[in-house]
C-alpha atoms as a PDB file:
ATOM      1  CA  MET A   1     143.526 131.906  94.563  1.00  0.00           C
ATOM      2  CA  THR A   2     146.154 129.418  93.241  1.00  0.00           C
ATOM      3  CA  SER A   3     148.571 126.144  94.302  1.00  0.00           C
ATOM      4  CA  VAL A   4     152.339 126.820  94.245  1.00  0.00           C
ATOM      5  CA  GLY A   5     155.609 125.133  95.802  1.00  0.00           C
ATOM      6  CA  HIS A   6     157.672 126.733  97.916  1.00  0.00           C
ATOM      7  CA  ASP A   7     160.084 127.984  95.125  1.00  0.00           C
ATOM      8  CA  MET A   8     157.203 130.505  94.260  1.00  0.00           C
ATOM      9  CA  ASP A   9     157.136 133.697  96.427  1.00  0.00           C
ATOM     10  CA  LEU A  10     153.798 135.123  95.203  1.00  0.00           C
ATOM     11  CA  GLY A  11     154.196 138.111  97.564  1.00  0.00           C
ATOM     12  CA  ALA A  12     157.274 139.198  95.741  1.00  0.00           C
ATOM     13  CA  THR A  13     155.996 138.410  92.293  1.00  0.00           C
ATOM     14  CA  LEU A  14     152.657 140.082  92.835  1.00  0.00           C
ATOM     15  CA  PRO A  15     153.122 142.779  95.505  1.00  0.00           C
ATOM     16  CA  GLY A  16     150.099 144.157  96.655  1.00  0.00           C
ATOM     17  CA  VAL A  17     147.789 141.506  95.500  1.00  0.00           C
ATOM     18  CA  MET A  18     145.764 139.436  97.764  1.00  0.00           C
ATOM     19  CA  THR A  19     146.442 135.782  97.564  1.00  0.00           C
ATOM     20  CA  ALA A  20     145.340 132.507  98.826  1.00  0.00           C
ATOM     21  CA  ILE A  21     147.621 129.609  98.443  1.00  0.00           C
ATOM     22  CA  VAL A  22     147.225 125.789  98.162  1.00  0.00           C
ATOM     23  CA  PRO A  23     150.632 124.430  99.366  1.00  0.00           C
ATOM     24  CA  SER A  24     152.028 122.001  96.848  1.00  0.00           C
ATOM     25  CA  PRO A  25     155.125 119.867  96.429  1.00  0.00           C
ATOM     26  CA  THR A  26     155.919 121.575  93.102  1.00  0.00           C
ATOM     27  CA  THR A  27     154.783 124.689  91.067  1.00  0.00           C
ATOM     28  CA  THR A  28     153.270 124.110  87.481  1.00  0.00           C
ATOM     29  CA  ARG A  29     155.612 124.722  84.833  1.00  0.00           C
ATOM     30  CA  PHE A  30     155.572 124.685  81.070  1.00  0.00           C
ATOM     31  CA  ARG A  31     157.744 124.952  78.309  1.00  0.00           C
ATOM     32  CA  ASN A  32     156.499 126.618  75.348  1.00  0.00           C
ATOM     33  CA  ALA A  33     158.272 126.161  71.676  1.00  0.00           C
ATOM     34  CA  TYR A  34     157.212 128.314  68.889  1.00  0.00           C
ATOM     35  CA  VAL A  35     157.563 127.073  65.639  1.00  0.00           C
ATOM     36  CA  ALA A  36     156.380 129.418  62.786  1.00  0.00           C
ATOM     37  CA  ASN A  37     152.785 130.271  63.961  1.00  0.00           C
ATOM     38  CA  ASP A  38     152.395 126.911  65.966  1.00  0.00           C
ATOM     39  CA  ARG A  39     153.215 126.465  69.775  1.00  0.00           C
ATOM     40  CA  VAL A  40     154.584 123.033  71.056  1.00  0.00           C
ATOM     41  CA  GLN A  41     153.872 122.856  74.879  1.00  0.00           C
ATOM     42  CA  LEU A  42     155.258 120.452  77.506  1.00  0.00           C
ATOM     43  CA  LEU A  43     154.165 120.056  80.980  1.00  0.00           C
ATOM     44  CA  ILE A  44     157.205 120.067  83.095  1.00  0.00           C
ATOM     45  CA  ALA A  45     155.642 119.800  86.696  1.00  0.00           C
ATOM     46  CA  GLN A  46     152.007 120.164  88.077  1.00  0.00           C
ATOM     47  CA  ALA A  47     150.891 121.912  91.054  1.00  0.00           C
ATOM     48  CA  SER A  48     148.260 120.459  93.542  1.00  0.00           C
ATOM     49  CA  ALA A  49     144.437 120.874  92.779  1.00  0.00           C
ATOM     50  CA  LEU A  50     141.901 123.578  93.618  1.00  0.00           C
ATOM     51  CA  SER A  51     138.748 122.603  94.965  1.00  0.00           C
ATOM     52  CA  GLU A  52     135.636 124.458  96.560  1.00  0.00           C
ATOM     53  CA  ALA A  53     137.086 123.749 100.323  1.00  0.00           C
ATOM     54  CA  GLU A  54     140.011 126.168  99.315  1.00  0.00           C
ATOM     55  CA  VAL A  55     138.017 129.460  98.623  1.00  0.00           C
ATOM     56  CA  PRO A  56     137.982 131.882 100.964  1.00  0.00           C
ATOM     57  CA  ASP A  57     134.530 132.579 102.467  1.00  0.00           C
ATOM     58  CA  ALA A  58     134.904 136.163 101.758  1.00  0.00           C
ATOM     59  CA  TRP A  59     135.712 135.848  98.151  1.00  0.00           C
ATOM     60  CA  ARG A  60     132.574 133.769  97.350  1.00  0.00           C
ATOM     61  CA  THR A  61     130.788 137.138  96.928  1.00  0.00           C
ATOM     62  CA  ALA A  62     133.326 138.938  94.586  1.00  0.00           C
ATOM     63  CA  PRO A  63     131.990 140.967  91.927  1.00  0.00           C
ATOM     64  CA  ILE A  64     134.274 139.224  89.184  1.00  0.00           C
ATOM     65  CA  VAL A  65     134.983 135.729  89.621  1.00  0.00           C
ATOM     66  CA  HIS A  66     137.775 134.204  86.875  1.00  0.00           C
ATOM     67  CA  LEU A  67     138.359 130.647  86.685  1.00  0.00           C
ATOM     68  CA  ALA A  68     141.439 130.033  84.732  1.00  0.00           C
ATOM     69  CA  PRO A  69     142.708 126.173  84.488  1.00  0.00           C
ATOM     70  CA  ILE A  70     145.712 125.448  82.830  1.00  0.00           C
ATOM     71  CA  THR A  71     146.007 121.670  83.520  1.00  0.00           C
ATOM     72  CA  ALA A  72     142.706 120.963  84.599  1.00  0.00           C
ATOM     73  CA  GLU A  73     143.625 121.365  88.282  1.00  0.00           C
ATOM     74  CA  VAL A  74     140.561 123.675  88.846  1.00  0.00           C
ATOM     75  CA  ASP A  75     137.503 121.413  89.777  1.00  0.00           C
ATOM     76  CA  THR A  76     134.656 122.248  87.626  1.00  0.00           C
ATOM     77  CA  ALA A  77     132.240 122.008  90.751  1.00  0.00           C
ATOM     78  CA  LEU A  78     133.415 125.410  91.647  1.00  0.00           C
ATOM     79  CA  LEU A  79     131.312 126.755  88.605  1.00  0.00           C
ATOM     80  CA  ALA A  80     128.047 125.470  90.150  1.00  0.00           C
ATOM     81  CA  ALA A  81     129.088 126.468  93.977  1.00  0.00           C
ATOM     82  CA  LEU A  82     130.071 129.849  93.151  1.00  0.00           C
ATOM     83  CA  ARG A  83     127.270 130.853  91.049  1.00  0.00           C
ATOM     84  CA  PRO A  84     124.748 131.747  93.434  1.00  0.00           C
ATOM     85  CA  THR A  85     127.077 134.024  95.336  1.00  0.00           C
ATOM     86  CA  ALA A  86     129.378 135.636  92.653  1.00  0.00           C
ATOM     87  CA  GLY A  87     128.635 138.526  90.508  1.00  0.00           C
ATOM     88  CA  PHE A  88     130.075 138.470  86.885  1.00  0.00           C
ATOM     89  CA  LEU A  89     131.324 134.428  86.418  1.00  0.00           C
ATOM     90  CA  GLY A  90     134.105 134.483  83.877  1.00  0.00           C
ATOM     91  CA  VAL A  91     135.877 131.176  82.556  1.00  0.00           C
ATOM     92  CA  THR A  92     138.945 130.602  80.281  1.00  0.00           C
ATOM     93  CA  PRO A  93     138.656 126.783  79.774  1.00  0.00           C
ATOM     94  CA  GLN A  94     142.016 125.926  78.190  1.00  0.00           C
ATOM     95  CA  GLY A  95     142.982 123.467  80.970  1.00  0.00           C
ATOM     96  CA  TRP A  96     139.570 121.739  80.583  1.00  0.00           C
ATOM     97  CA  LEU A  97     140.552 121.356  76.884  1.00  0.00           C
ATOM     98  CA  ARG A  98     143.981 119.602  77.610  1.00  0.00           C
ATOM     99  CA  VAL A  99     145.357 116.335  77.716  1.00  0.00           C
ATOM    100  CA  TRP A 100     149.196 115.189  78.258  1.00  0.00           C
ATOM    101  CA  ASP A 101     151.339 112.208  77.378  1.00  0.00           C
ATOM    102  CA  ARG A 102     153.765 110.697  79.377  1.00  0.00           C
ATOM    103  CA  GLN A 103     156.623 112.723  78.151  1.00  0.00           C
ATOM    104  CA  GLY A 104     154.282 115.846  79.113  1.00  0.00           C
ATOM    105  CA  ARG A 105     153.507 116.939  75.642  1.00  0.00           C
ATOM    106  CA  ILE A 106     150.353 118.562  75.578  1.00  0.00           C
ATOM    107  CA  TYR A 107     147.638 117.855  72.944  1.00  0.00           C
ATOM    108  CA  PRO A 108     143.934 119.330  72.755  1.00  0.00           C
ATOM    109  CA  GLN A 109     140.946 117.529  73.328  1.00  0.00           C
ATOM    110  CA  PRO A 110     137.335 118.102  72.544  1.00  0.00           C
ATOM    111  CA  CYS A 111     134.655 119.870  74.573  1.00  0.00           C
ATOM    112  CA  ALA A 112     132.793 116.728  75.201  1.00  0.00           C
ATOM    113  CA  ASP A 113     130.590 117.493  78.463  1.00  0.00           C
ATOM    114  CA  LEU A 114     132.068 120.935  79.098  1.00  0.00           C
ATOM    115  CA  PRO A 115     129.625 122.917  77.852  1.00  0.00           C
ATOM    116  CA  ALA A 116     126.924 121.333  80.128  1.00  0.00           C
ATOM    117  CA  ARG A 117     129.368 122.180  83.014  1.00  0.00           C
ATOM    118  CA  LEU A 118     129.699 125.557  82.009  1.00  0.00           C
ATOM    119  CA  SER A 119     126.001 126.422  82.937  1.00  0.00           C
ATOM    120  CA  GLY A 120     125.545 129.623  84.542  1.00  0.00           C
ATOM    121  CA  VAL A 121     128.525 130.891  83.211  1.00  0.00           C
ATOM    122  CA  ASP A 122     128.340 134.561  81.833  1.00  0.00           C
ATOM    123  CA  GLY A 123     131.495 134.621  79.697  1.00  0.00           C
ATOM    124  CA  VAL A 124     134.211 132.529  78.067  1.00  0.00           C
ATOM    125  CA  VAL A 125     137.359 133.323  76.428  1.00  0.00           C
ATOM    126  CA  VAL A 126     138.862 130.402  74.364  1.00  0.00           C
ATOM    127  CA  SER A 127     141.397 130.462  71.415  1.00  0.00           C
ATOM    128  CA  GLU A 128     141.393 128.714  68.085  1.00  0.00           C
ATOM    129  CA  GLU A 129     144.476 126.581  69.628  1.00  0.00           C
ATOM    130  CA  ASP A 130     142.440 125.536  72.704  1.00  0.00           C
ATOM    131  CA  LEU A 131     139.618 124.166  70.256  1.00  0.00           C
ATOM    132  CA  ALA A 132     141.960 122.485  67.966  1.00  0.00           C
ATOM    133  CA  ALA A 133     140.490 118.978  68.517  1.00  0.00           C
ATOM    134  CA  GLU A 134     136.641 120.551  68.543  1.00  0.00           C
ATOM    135  CA  ILE A 135     135.152 119.942  64.939  1.00  0.00           C
ATOM    136  CA  ALA A 136     132.370 122.306  66.040  1.00  0.00           C
ATOM    137  CA  GLY A 137     134.723 124.865  67.034  1.00  0.00           C
ATOM    138  CA  ALA A 138     133.236 127.370  69.832  1.00  0.00           C
ATOM    139  CA  GLN A 139     129.514 126.930  68.743  1.00  0.00           C
ATOM    140  CA  PRO A 140     129.406 123.995  71.379  1.00  0.00           C
ATOM    141  CA  LEU A 141     130.206 126.743  74.128  1.00  0.00           C
ATOM    142  CA  VAL A 142     127.411 129.300  72.991  1.00  0.00           C
ATOM    143  CA  ALA A 143     124.062 129.258  75.357  1.00  0.00           C
ATOM    144  CA  PRO A 144     121.292 131.399  76.136  1.00  0.00           C
ATOM    145  CA  GLY A 145     122.887 134.162  78.685  1.00  0.00           C
ATOM    146  CA  ARG A 146     126.608 133.183  77.621  1.00  0.00           C
ATOM    147  CA  THR A 147     128.713 135.406  75.456  1.00  0.00           C
ATOM    148  CA  VAL A 148     132.052 133.575  73.997  1.00  0.00           C
ATOM    149  CA  ALA A 149     135.125 135.296  72.801  1.00  0.00           C
ATOM    150  CA  LEU A 150     137.098 133.182  70.286  1.00  0.00           C
ATOM    151  CA  THR A 151     140.702 134.661  70.070  1.00  0.00           C
ATOM    152  CA  ARG A 152     142.382 134.216  66.732  1.00  0.00           C
ATOM    153  CA  GLY A 153     145.724 136.032  67.378  1.00  0.00           C
ATOM    154  CA  ALA A 154     146.239 138.675  64.599  1.00  0.00           C
ATOM    155  CA  ALA A 155     143.151 137.457  63.065  1.00  0.00           C
ATOM    156  CA  GLY A 156     141.338 139.271  65.886  1.00  0.00           C
ATOM    157  CA  VAL A 157     138.584 137.799  67.853  1.00  0.00           C
ATOM    158  CA  GLN A 158     135.005 136.442  67.224  1.00  0.00           C
ATOM    159  CA  ILE A 159     132.054 137.442  69.632  1.00  0.00           C
ATOM    160  CA  LEU A 160     129.489 134.492  69.751  1.00  0.00           C
ATOM    161  CA  ARG A 161     125.989 134.849  71.076  1.00  0.00           C
ATOM    162  CA  PRO A 162     122.967 132.567  70.214  1.00  0.00           C
ATOM    163  CA  GLY A 163     122.378 133.370  66.496  1.00  0.00           C
ATOM    164  CA  ARG A 164     124.765 136.102  66.335  1.00  0.00           C
ATOM    165  CA  VAL A 165     128.650 136.373  65.550  1.00  0.00           C
ATOM    166  CA  ASP A 166     130.538 139.510  65.391  1.00  0.00           C
ATOM    167  CA  GLN A 167     134.155 140.001  64.514  1.00  0.00           C
ATOM    168  CA  VAL A 168     136.478 142.457  65.997  1.00  0.00           C
ATOM    169  CA  GLU A 169     139.749 143.171  64.587  1.00  0.00           C
ATOM    170  CA  ALA A 170     143.096 142.928  66.308  1.00  0.00           C
ATOM    171  CA  CYS A 171     144.797 146.116  67.659  1.00  0.00           C
ATOM    172  CA  PRO A 172     147.912 146.538  65.853  1.00  0.00           C
ATOM    173  CA  ALA A 173     150.983 145.432  67.983  1.00  0.00           C
ATOM    174  CA  SER A 174     154.588 144.756  67.288  1.00  0.00           C
ATOM    175  CA  ALA A 175     154.700 141.155  68.982  1.00  0.00           C
ATOM    176  CA  VAL A 176     157.594 140.498  71.175  1.00  0.00           C
ATOM    177  CA  ASP A 177     156.168 137.647  73.528  1.00  0.00           C
ATOM    178  CA  PRO A 178     152.592 136.219  72.837  1.00  0.00           C
ATOM    179  CA  THR A 179     152.520 134.241  75.838  1.00  0.00           C
ATOM    180  CA  GLY A 180     149.725 135.383  78.219  1.00  0.00           C
ATOM    181  CA  ALA A 181     148.228 137.710  75.734  1.00  0.00           C
ATOM    182  CA  GLY A 182     144.898 135.497  75.775  1.00  0.00           C
ATOM    183  CA  ASP A 183     144.702 135.897  79.521  1.00  0.00           C
ATOM    184  CA  VAL A 184     145.243 139.527  79.375  1.00  0.00           C
ATOM    185  CA  PHE A 185     142.202 139.956  76.953  1.00  0.00           C
ATOM    186  CA  ALA A 186     140.164 137.584  78.979  1.00  0.00           C
ATOM    187  CA  ALA A 187     140.893 139.802  82.604  1.00  0.00           C
ATOM    188  CA  ALA A 188     139.909 143.241  80.427  1.00  0.00           C
ATOM    189  CA  TRP A 189     137.209 141.669  78.726  1.00  0.00           C
ATOM    190  CA  PHE A 190     135.495 140.198  81.880  1.00  0.00           C
ATOM    191  CA  ILE A 191     136.090 143.418  83.619  1.00  0.00           C
ATOM    192  CA  ARG A 192     134.433 145.657  80.993  1.00  0.00           C
ATOM    193  CA  LEU A 193     131.571 143.139  80.571  1.00  0.00           C
ATOM    194  CA  ALA A 194     130.959 143.177  84.592  1.00  0.00           C
ATOM    195  CA  ALA A 195     130.906 147.161  84.007  1.00  0.00           C
ATOM    196  CA  GLY A 196     128.132 147.042  81.661  1.00  0.00           C
ATOM    197  CA  ASP A 197     129.746 147.531  78.269  1.00  0.00           C
ATOM    198  CA  ASN A 198     128.332 145.420  75.382  1.00  0.00           C
ATOM    199  CA  PRO A 199     130.350 142.270  74.425  1.00  0.00           C
ATOM    200  CA  VAL A 200     131.923 143.993  71.183  1.00  0.00           C
ATOM    201  CA  THR A 201     132.742 147.248  72.926  1.00  0.00           C
ATOM    202  CA  ALA A 202     134.262 145.326  75.718  1.00  0.00           C
ATOM    203  CA  ALA A 203     136.366 143.055  73.264  1.00  0.00           C
ATOM    204  CA  ARG A 204     137.791 146.403  71.788  1.00  0.00           C
ATOM    205  CA  TYR A 205     138.958 147.441  75.021  1.00  0.00           C
ATOM    206  CA  ALA A 206     140.543 144.114  75.680  1.00  0.00           C
ATOM    207  CA  ALA A 207     142.033 143.857  71.988  1.00  0.00           C
ATOM    208  CA  CYS A 208     144.011 147.198  73.169  1.00  0.00           C
ATOM    209  CA  ALA A 209     145.114 145.096  76.542  1.00  0.00           C
ATOM    210  CA  ALA A 210     146.254 142.230  74.452  1.00  0.00           C
ATOM    211  CA  ALA A 211     148.162 144.309  72.281  1.00  0.00           C
ATOM    212  CA  TRP A 212     150.081 145.810  74.955  1.00  0.00           C
ATOM    213  CA  ALA A 213     150.618 142.279  76.226  1.00  0.00           C
ATOM    214  CA  VAL A 214     152.617 141.039  73.315  1.00  0.00           C
ATOM    215  CA  GLU A 215     154.923 143.883  73.120  1.00  0.00           C
ATOM    216  CA  HIS A 216     156.406 143.195  76.499  1.00  0.00           C
ATOM    217  CA  HIS A 217     157.621 140.123  78.311  1.00  0.00           C
ATOM    218  CA  GLY A 218     156.292 138.731  81.510  1.00  0.00           C
ATOM    219  CA  LEU A 219     154.361 140.801  83.975  1.00  0.00           C
ATOM    220  CA  ALA A 220     155.492 144.077  82.040  1.00  0.00           C
ATOM    221  CA  GLY A 221     152.770 143.020  79.596  1.00  0.00           C
ATOM    222  CA  VAL A 222     150.125 143.381  82.113  1.00  0.00           C
ATOM    223  CA  PRO A 223     148.687 146.973  81.343  1.00  0.00           C
ATOM    224  CA  THR A 224     146.927 149.581  83.645  1.00  0.00           C
ATOM    225  CA  ALA A 225     143.642 150.931  82.860  1.00  0.00           C
ATOM    226  CA  GLN A 226     145.011 154.473  81.637  1.00  0.00           C
ATOM    227  CA  GLN A 227     147.538 152.574  79.152  1.00  0.00           C
ATOM    228  CA  ILE A 228     144.368 150.591  77.712  1.00  0.00           C
ATOM    229  CA  GLU A 229     142.463 153.688  77.440  1.00  0.00           C
ATOM    230  CA  GLU A 230     145.181 155.825  75.770  1.00  0.00           C
ATOM    231  CA  ARG A 231     145.858 152.905  73.252  1.00  0.00           C
ATOM    232  CA  LEU A 232     142.142 152.590  72.552  1.00  0.00           C
ATOM    233  CA  ALA A 233     141.992 156.413  71.962  1.00  0.00           C
ATOM    234  CA  GLN A 234     144.828 156.148  69.389  1.00  0.00           C
ATOM    235  CA  TRP A 235     143.313 153.057  67.586  1.00  0.00           C
ATOM    236  CA  GLU A 236     141.231 153.367  64.338  1.00  0.00           C
ATOM    237  CA  PRO A 237     140.590 149.882  63.156  1.00  0.00           C
END
């Protein structure tokens, strides 16, 4: 479910994928500039907001629900609304950890009351970059019943649970385009967690998915399950 303008044909971009579209005057667009290891991000245009009213009834009982705001366009009230009926509930909260100025330059902001609003969430994937303004790092997001994956690029990922932190190395890759690798990691990790994998095993699987993602541009960076399994079988961290 997303919001796009008339300039975006999701049927052509994502053939075979069911979509629920909220019409918008424009489609959200960013400009990313990479300087050394840092990313400067500009918000060029912002699509309409997404609320509970737009969620199709049949999707409310989905076995996996992934809320992925990028410009705070997803209403956090969806978390409480979907918790009673959804299966696994995962969140990549980067869009709730961003603010931007009049020129569109995006800056990180602290978690503030976000941890309280994440009540009932099963898994969270967040990057060090997302938490640049949070002095406590990912710890505020950790809670009983909720596992947090803190992605750290080439330094791998930390899996945080109450009273425990595990380190998973990054799967070796020849980076071509890092954009979207965290989203691919999150999707793969949530799928494996929902299937019953322990968080560390699931993170190794997701790290292989992310390694594939950084080696390709655009949607070519979304691997199949077979491609992930083959890479996992070859990887000896």
